[in-house]
N, C-alpha and C. Protein backbone atom coordinates (compact mmCIF):
# COMPACT_ATOMS: atom_id res chain seq x y z
N MET A 1 -7.97 39.97 -5.79
CA MET A 1 -8.22 39.47 -4.57
C MET A 1 -8.52 37.93 -4.72
N ALA A 2 -9.90 38.04 -5.25
CA ALA A 2 -10.76 36.72 -5.87
C ALA A 2 -9.74 35.95 -6.42
N LEU A 3 -9.10 36.04 -7.38
CA LEU A 3 -8.50 35.40 -8.07
C LEU A 3 -7.26 34.60 -7.18
N SER A 4 -6.37 35.25 -6.41
CA SER A 4 -5.59 34.91 -5.32
C SER A 4 -6.27 33.85 -4.33
N THR A 5 -7.39 34.05 -3.89
CA THR A 5 -8.24 33.03 -3.24
C THR A 5 -8.58 31.99 -3.87
N SER A 6 -8.98 31.92 -5.00
CA SER A 6 -9.34 30.86 -5.71
C SER A 6 -8.21 30.20 -6.21
N THR A 7 -7.11 30.74 -6.28
CA THR A 7 -5.73 29.91 -6.72
C THR A 7 -5.34 29.37 -5.28
N LEU A 8 -5.30 29.82 -4.21
CA LEU A 8 -5.08 29.13 -2.97
C LEU A 8 -5.79 28.19 -2.66
N LEU A 9 -7.33 28.06 -2.74
CA LEU A 9 -8.08 27.39 -2.79
C LEU A 9 -7.80 25.97 -3.58
N HIS A 10 -7.50 26.12 -4.69
CA HIS A 10 -7.37 25.38 -5.53
C HIS A 10 -5.90 24.48 -5.10
N TYR A 11 -5.02 25.09 -4.82
CA TYR A 11 -3.63 24.25 -4.45
C TYR A 11 -3.94 23.74 -3.09
N HIS A 12 -4.84 24.34 -1.90
CA HIS A 12 -5.13 23.46 -0.68
C HIS A 12 -5.62 22.35 -1.07
N ARG A 13 -6.62 21.96 -2.13
CA ARG A 13 -7.40 21.03 -2.47
C ARG A 13 -6.35 19.77 -3.15
N ALA A 14 -5.44 20.38 -4.15
CA ALA A 14 -4.38 19.46 -4.39
C ALA A 14 -3.60 18.93 -3.47
N LEU A 15 -3.12 19.63 -2.56
CA LEU A 15 -2.29 19.27 -1.46
C LEU A 15 -2.95 18.03 -0.63
N ALA A 16 -4.19 18.39 -0.30
CA ALA A 16 -5.30 17.61 0.56
C ALA A 16 -5.35 16.22 -0.27
N LEU A 17 -5.69 16.38 -1.59
CA LEU A 17 -5.80 15.00 -2.45
C LEU A 17 -4.41 14.29 -2.06
N SER A 18 -3.25 14.84 -2.58
CA SER A 18 -2.14 14.26 -2.72
C SER A 18 -1.85 13.31 -1.41
N PHE A 19 -2.08 14.26 -0.11
CA PHE A 19 -1.95 13.69 1.12
C PHE A 19 -2.68 12.57 1.48
N SER A 20 -4.03 12.43 0.98
CA SER A 20 -4.94 11.18 1.13
C SER A 20 -4.47 10.10 0.34
N GLN A 21 -3.80 10.51 -0.89
CA GLN A 21 -3.35 9.29 -1.86
C GLN A 21 -2.03 8.69 -1.12
N GLN A 22 -1.22 9.49 -0.80
CA GLN A 22 -0.13 8.98 0.03
C GLN A 22 -0.37 8.22 1.18
N TRP A 23 -1.51 8.52 1.88
CA TRP A 23 -1.83 7.79 3.02
C TRP A 23 -2.29 6.57 2.67
N ALA A 24 -3.08 6.38 1.77
CA ALA A 24 -3.67 5.09 1.30
C ALA A 24 -2.76 4.27 0.69
N GLN A 25 -1.51 4.81 0.09
CA GLN A 25 -0.69 3.85 -0.39
C GLN A 25 0.34 3.48 0.81
N ARG A 26 0.55 4.31 1.68
CA ARG A 26 1.34 3.61 2.84
C ARG A 26 0.44 2.55 3.69
N GLU A 27 -0.85 2.96 3.56
CA GLU A 27 -1.76 1.87 4.41
C GLU A 27 -1.48 0.45 3.62
N ALA A 28 -1.54 0.49 2.21
CA ALA A 28 -1.36 -0.83 1.32
C ALA A 28 0.02 -1.43 1.70
N TRP A 29 1.01 -0.76 2.00
CA TRP A 29 2.30 -1.33 2.23
C TRP A 29 2.27 -2.00 3.73
N ARG A 30 1.54 -1.09 4.49
CA ARG A 30 1.32 -1.61 6.03
C ARG A 30 0.77 -3.08 5.98
N VAL A 31 -0.59 -3.24 5.20
CA VAL A 31 -1.41 -4.24 4.98
C VAL A 31 -0.51 -5.44 4.25
N ALA A 32 0.53 -5.28 3.45
CA ALA A 32 1.40 -6.24 2.86
C ALA A 32 2.36 -6.69 3.70
N GLY A 33 2.81 -5.81 4.76
CA GLY A 33 3.69 -6.44 5.78
C GLY A 33 3.07 -7.36 6.74
N GLN A 34 1.79 -6.81 6.89
CA GLN A 34 1.19 -7.61 7.81
C GLN A 34 0.84 -9.24 7.41
N ARG A 35 0.46 -8.97 5.99
CA ARG A 35 0.17 -10.49 5.28
C ARG A 35 1.32 -11.16 5.35
N LEU A 36 2.63 -10.51 5.08
CA LEU A 36 3.84 -11.50 5.13
C LEU A 36 4.07 -12.25 6.29
N ILE A 37 3.48 -11.64 7.51
CA ILE A 37 3.62 -12.41 8.91
C ILE A 37 2.31 -12.97 9.29
N GLY A 38 1.60 -13.19 8.25
CA GLY A 38 0.50 -14.23 8.60
C GLY A 38 -0.68 -13.69 8.94
N HIS A 39 -0.96 -12.22 9.02
CA HIS A 39 -2.17 -11.71 9.54
C HIS A 39 -3.15 -11.04 8.05
N GLU A 40 -4.42 -11.39 8.03
CA GLU A 40 -5.05 -10.84 7.10
C GLU A 40 -5.98 -9.56 7.63
N VAL A 41 -6.02 -8.73 6.86
CA VAL A 41 -6.74 -7.50 7.33
C VAL A 41 -8.14 -7.23 6.58
N ALA A 42 -9.12 -7.15 7.57
CA ALA A 42 -10.65 -6.81 6.71
C ALA A 42 -10.59 -5.86 5.77
N GLY A 43 -11.26 -6.14 4.48
CA GLY A 43 -11.54 -5.04 3.76
C GLY A 43 -10.48 -4.98 2.55
N TRP A 44 -9.40 -5.97 2.55
CA TRP A 44 -8.43 -6.01 1.68
C TRP A 44 -8.35 -7.28 1.04
N VAL A 45 -8.14 -7.33 -0.13
CA VAL A 45 -7.87 -8.70 -1.17
C VAL A 45 -6.53 -8.89 -1.01
N SER A 46 -5.93 -10.04 -0.57
CA SER A 46 -4.62 -10.39 -0.21
C SER A 46 -4.42 -11.72 -0.88
N ARG A 47 -3.01 -11.72 -1.36
CA ARG A 47 -2.58 -13.32 -1.66
C ARG A 47 -1.27 -13.38 -1.23
N LEU A 48 -1.04 -14.59 -0.67
CA LEU A 48 0.25 -14.77 -0.25
C LEU A 48 0.90 -16.03 -0.98
N GLN A 49 2.01 -15.82 -1.73
CA GLN A 49 2.67 -17.08 -2.69
C GLN A 49 4.02 -17.44 -1.89
N GLN A 50 4.24 -18.61 -2.03
CA GLN A 50 5.58 -19.15 -1.07
C GLN A 50 6.24 -20.07 -2.47
N LYS A 51 7.51 -19.64 -2.52
CA LYS A 51 8.30 -20.28 -3.86
C LYS A 51 9.71 -20.87 -2.97
N SER A 52 10.16 -21.74 -3.47
CA SER A 52 11.53 -22.29 -2.99
C SER A 52 12.42 -21.29 -3.30
N GLY A 53 13.40 -21.07 -2.51
CA GLY A 53 14.54 -20.03 -2.92
C GLY A 53 15.76 -20.51 -2.78
N PRO A 54 16.78 -19.85 -2.88
CA PRO A 54 18.35 -20.59 -2.66
C PRO A 54 18.54 -21.11 -1.35
N SER A 55 19.43 -22.13 -1.42
CA SER A 55 19.88 -22.66 -0.24
C SER A 55 18.80 -23.18 0.70
N GLY A 56 17.83 -23.48 0.25
CA GLY A 56 16.68 -24.19 1.02
C GLY A 56 15.75 -23.17 1.80
N CYS A 57 15.88 -21.91 1.23
CA CYS A 57 15.07 -20.69 1.74
C CYS A 57 13.79 -20.71 1.11
N ILE A 58 12.86 -19.91 1.78
CA ILE A 58 11.49 -19.81 1.07
C ILE A 58 11.40 -18.37 0.52
N LEU A 59 10.98 -18.16 -0.62
CA LEU A 59 10.40 -16.73 -0.78
C LEU A 59 9.12 -16.48 -0.84
N LEU A 60 8.65 -15.66 0.08
CA LEU A 60 7.31 -15.15 0.25
C LEU A 60 6.99 -13.81 -0.57
N GLN A 61 6.15 -13.78 -1.05
CA GLN A 61 5.32 -12.50 -1.78
C GLN A 61 4.02 -12.50 -1.39
N ALA A 62 3.59 -11.20 -0.80
CA ALA A 62 2.36 -10.55 -0.47
C ALA A 62 2.10 -9.67 -1.47
N ASP A 63 0.72 -9.91 -1.99
CA ASP A 63 0.25 -8.90 -3.15
C ASP A 63 -1.25 -8.59 -2.36
N VAL A 64 -1.54 -7.22 -2.16
CA VAL A 64 -2.48 -6.90 -1.63
C VAL A 64 -3.13 -5.68 -2.36
N THR A 65 -4.55 -5.66 -2.20
CA THR A 65 -5.38 -4.31 -2.98
C THR A 65 -6.60 -3.99 -2.09
N GLY A 66 -6.33 -2.76 -1.85
CA GLY A 66 -7.28 -2.19 -0.98
C GLY A 66 -8.44 -1.52 -1.47
N PRO A 67 -9.23 -1.09 -0.37
CA PRO A 67 -10.63 -0.38 -0.84
C PRO A 67 -10.50 0.96 -1.66
N TRP A 68 -9.33 1.49 -1.72
CA TRP A 68 -9.10 2.67 -2.71
C TRP A 68 -8.29 2.13 -3.74
N GLN A 69 -8.29 1.12 -3.95
CA GLN A 69 -7.74 0.60 -5.32
C GLN A 69 -6.16 0.85 -5.16
N ARG A 70 -5.77 0.80 -4.03
CA ARG A 70 -4.10 1.01 -3.80
C ARG A 70 -3.86 -0.43 -3.76
N ARG A 71 -2.53 -0.83 -4.51
CA ARG A 71 -1.83 -2.06 -4.34
C ARG A 71 -0.68 -1.97 -3.93
N ALA A 72 -0.18 -3.21 -3.32
CA ALA A 72 1.29 -3.13 -2.81
C ALA A 72 1.71 -4.38 -2.98
N THR A 73 2.94 -4.87 -3.06
CA THR A 73 3.60 -6.23 -3.45
C THR A 73 4.84 -6.09 -2.42
N LEU A 74 5.04 -6.80 -1.61
CA LEU A 74 6.26 -7.14 -0.71
C LEU A 74 6.58 -8.46 -0.84
N THR A 75 8.14 -8.43 -1.01
CA THR A 75 8.82 -9.98 -0.87
C THR A 75 9.65 -10.02 0.27
N ARG A 76 10.03 -11.40 0.85
CA ARG A 76 10.75 -11.59 1.94
C ARG A 76 11.41 -12.88 1.56
N LEU A 77 12.59 -12.77 1.91
CA LEU A 77 13.24 -14.26 1.82
C LEU A 77 13.53 -14.79 2.99
N ARG A 78 13.01 -15.95 3.42
CA ARG A 78 12.96 -16.47 5.02
C ARG A 78 13.93 -17.70 4.94
N CYS A 79 14.89 -17.68 5.53
CA CYS A 79 15.99 -18.89 5.61
C CYS A 79 15.82 -19.63 7.17
């Protein structure tokens, strides 16, 4: 019985850790999307690059790093 309980508690801890890491990564994608539209989010380090693209379009790239060392990069072509 003790072994089963210990195993279930370990499994629960692993699931909780995985969930929090997934949440942090989704938050990084959300912040990168906000940066692409011109909003900066407090507590995040972000960089927005603009390059010329095809047919006179502009290629925007947002790189963000968050408080949990989560990173995300989004790219958008604006014509």
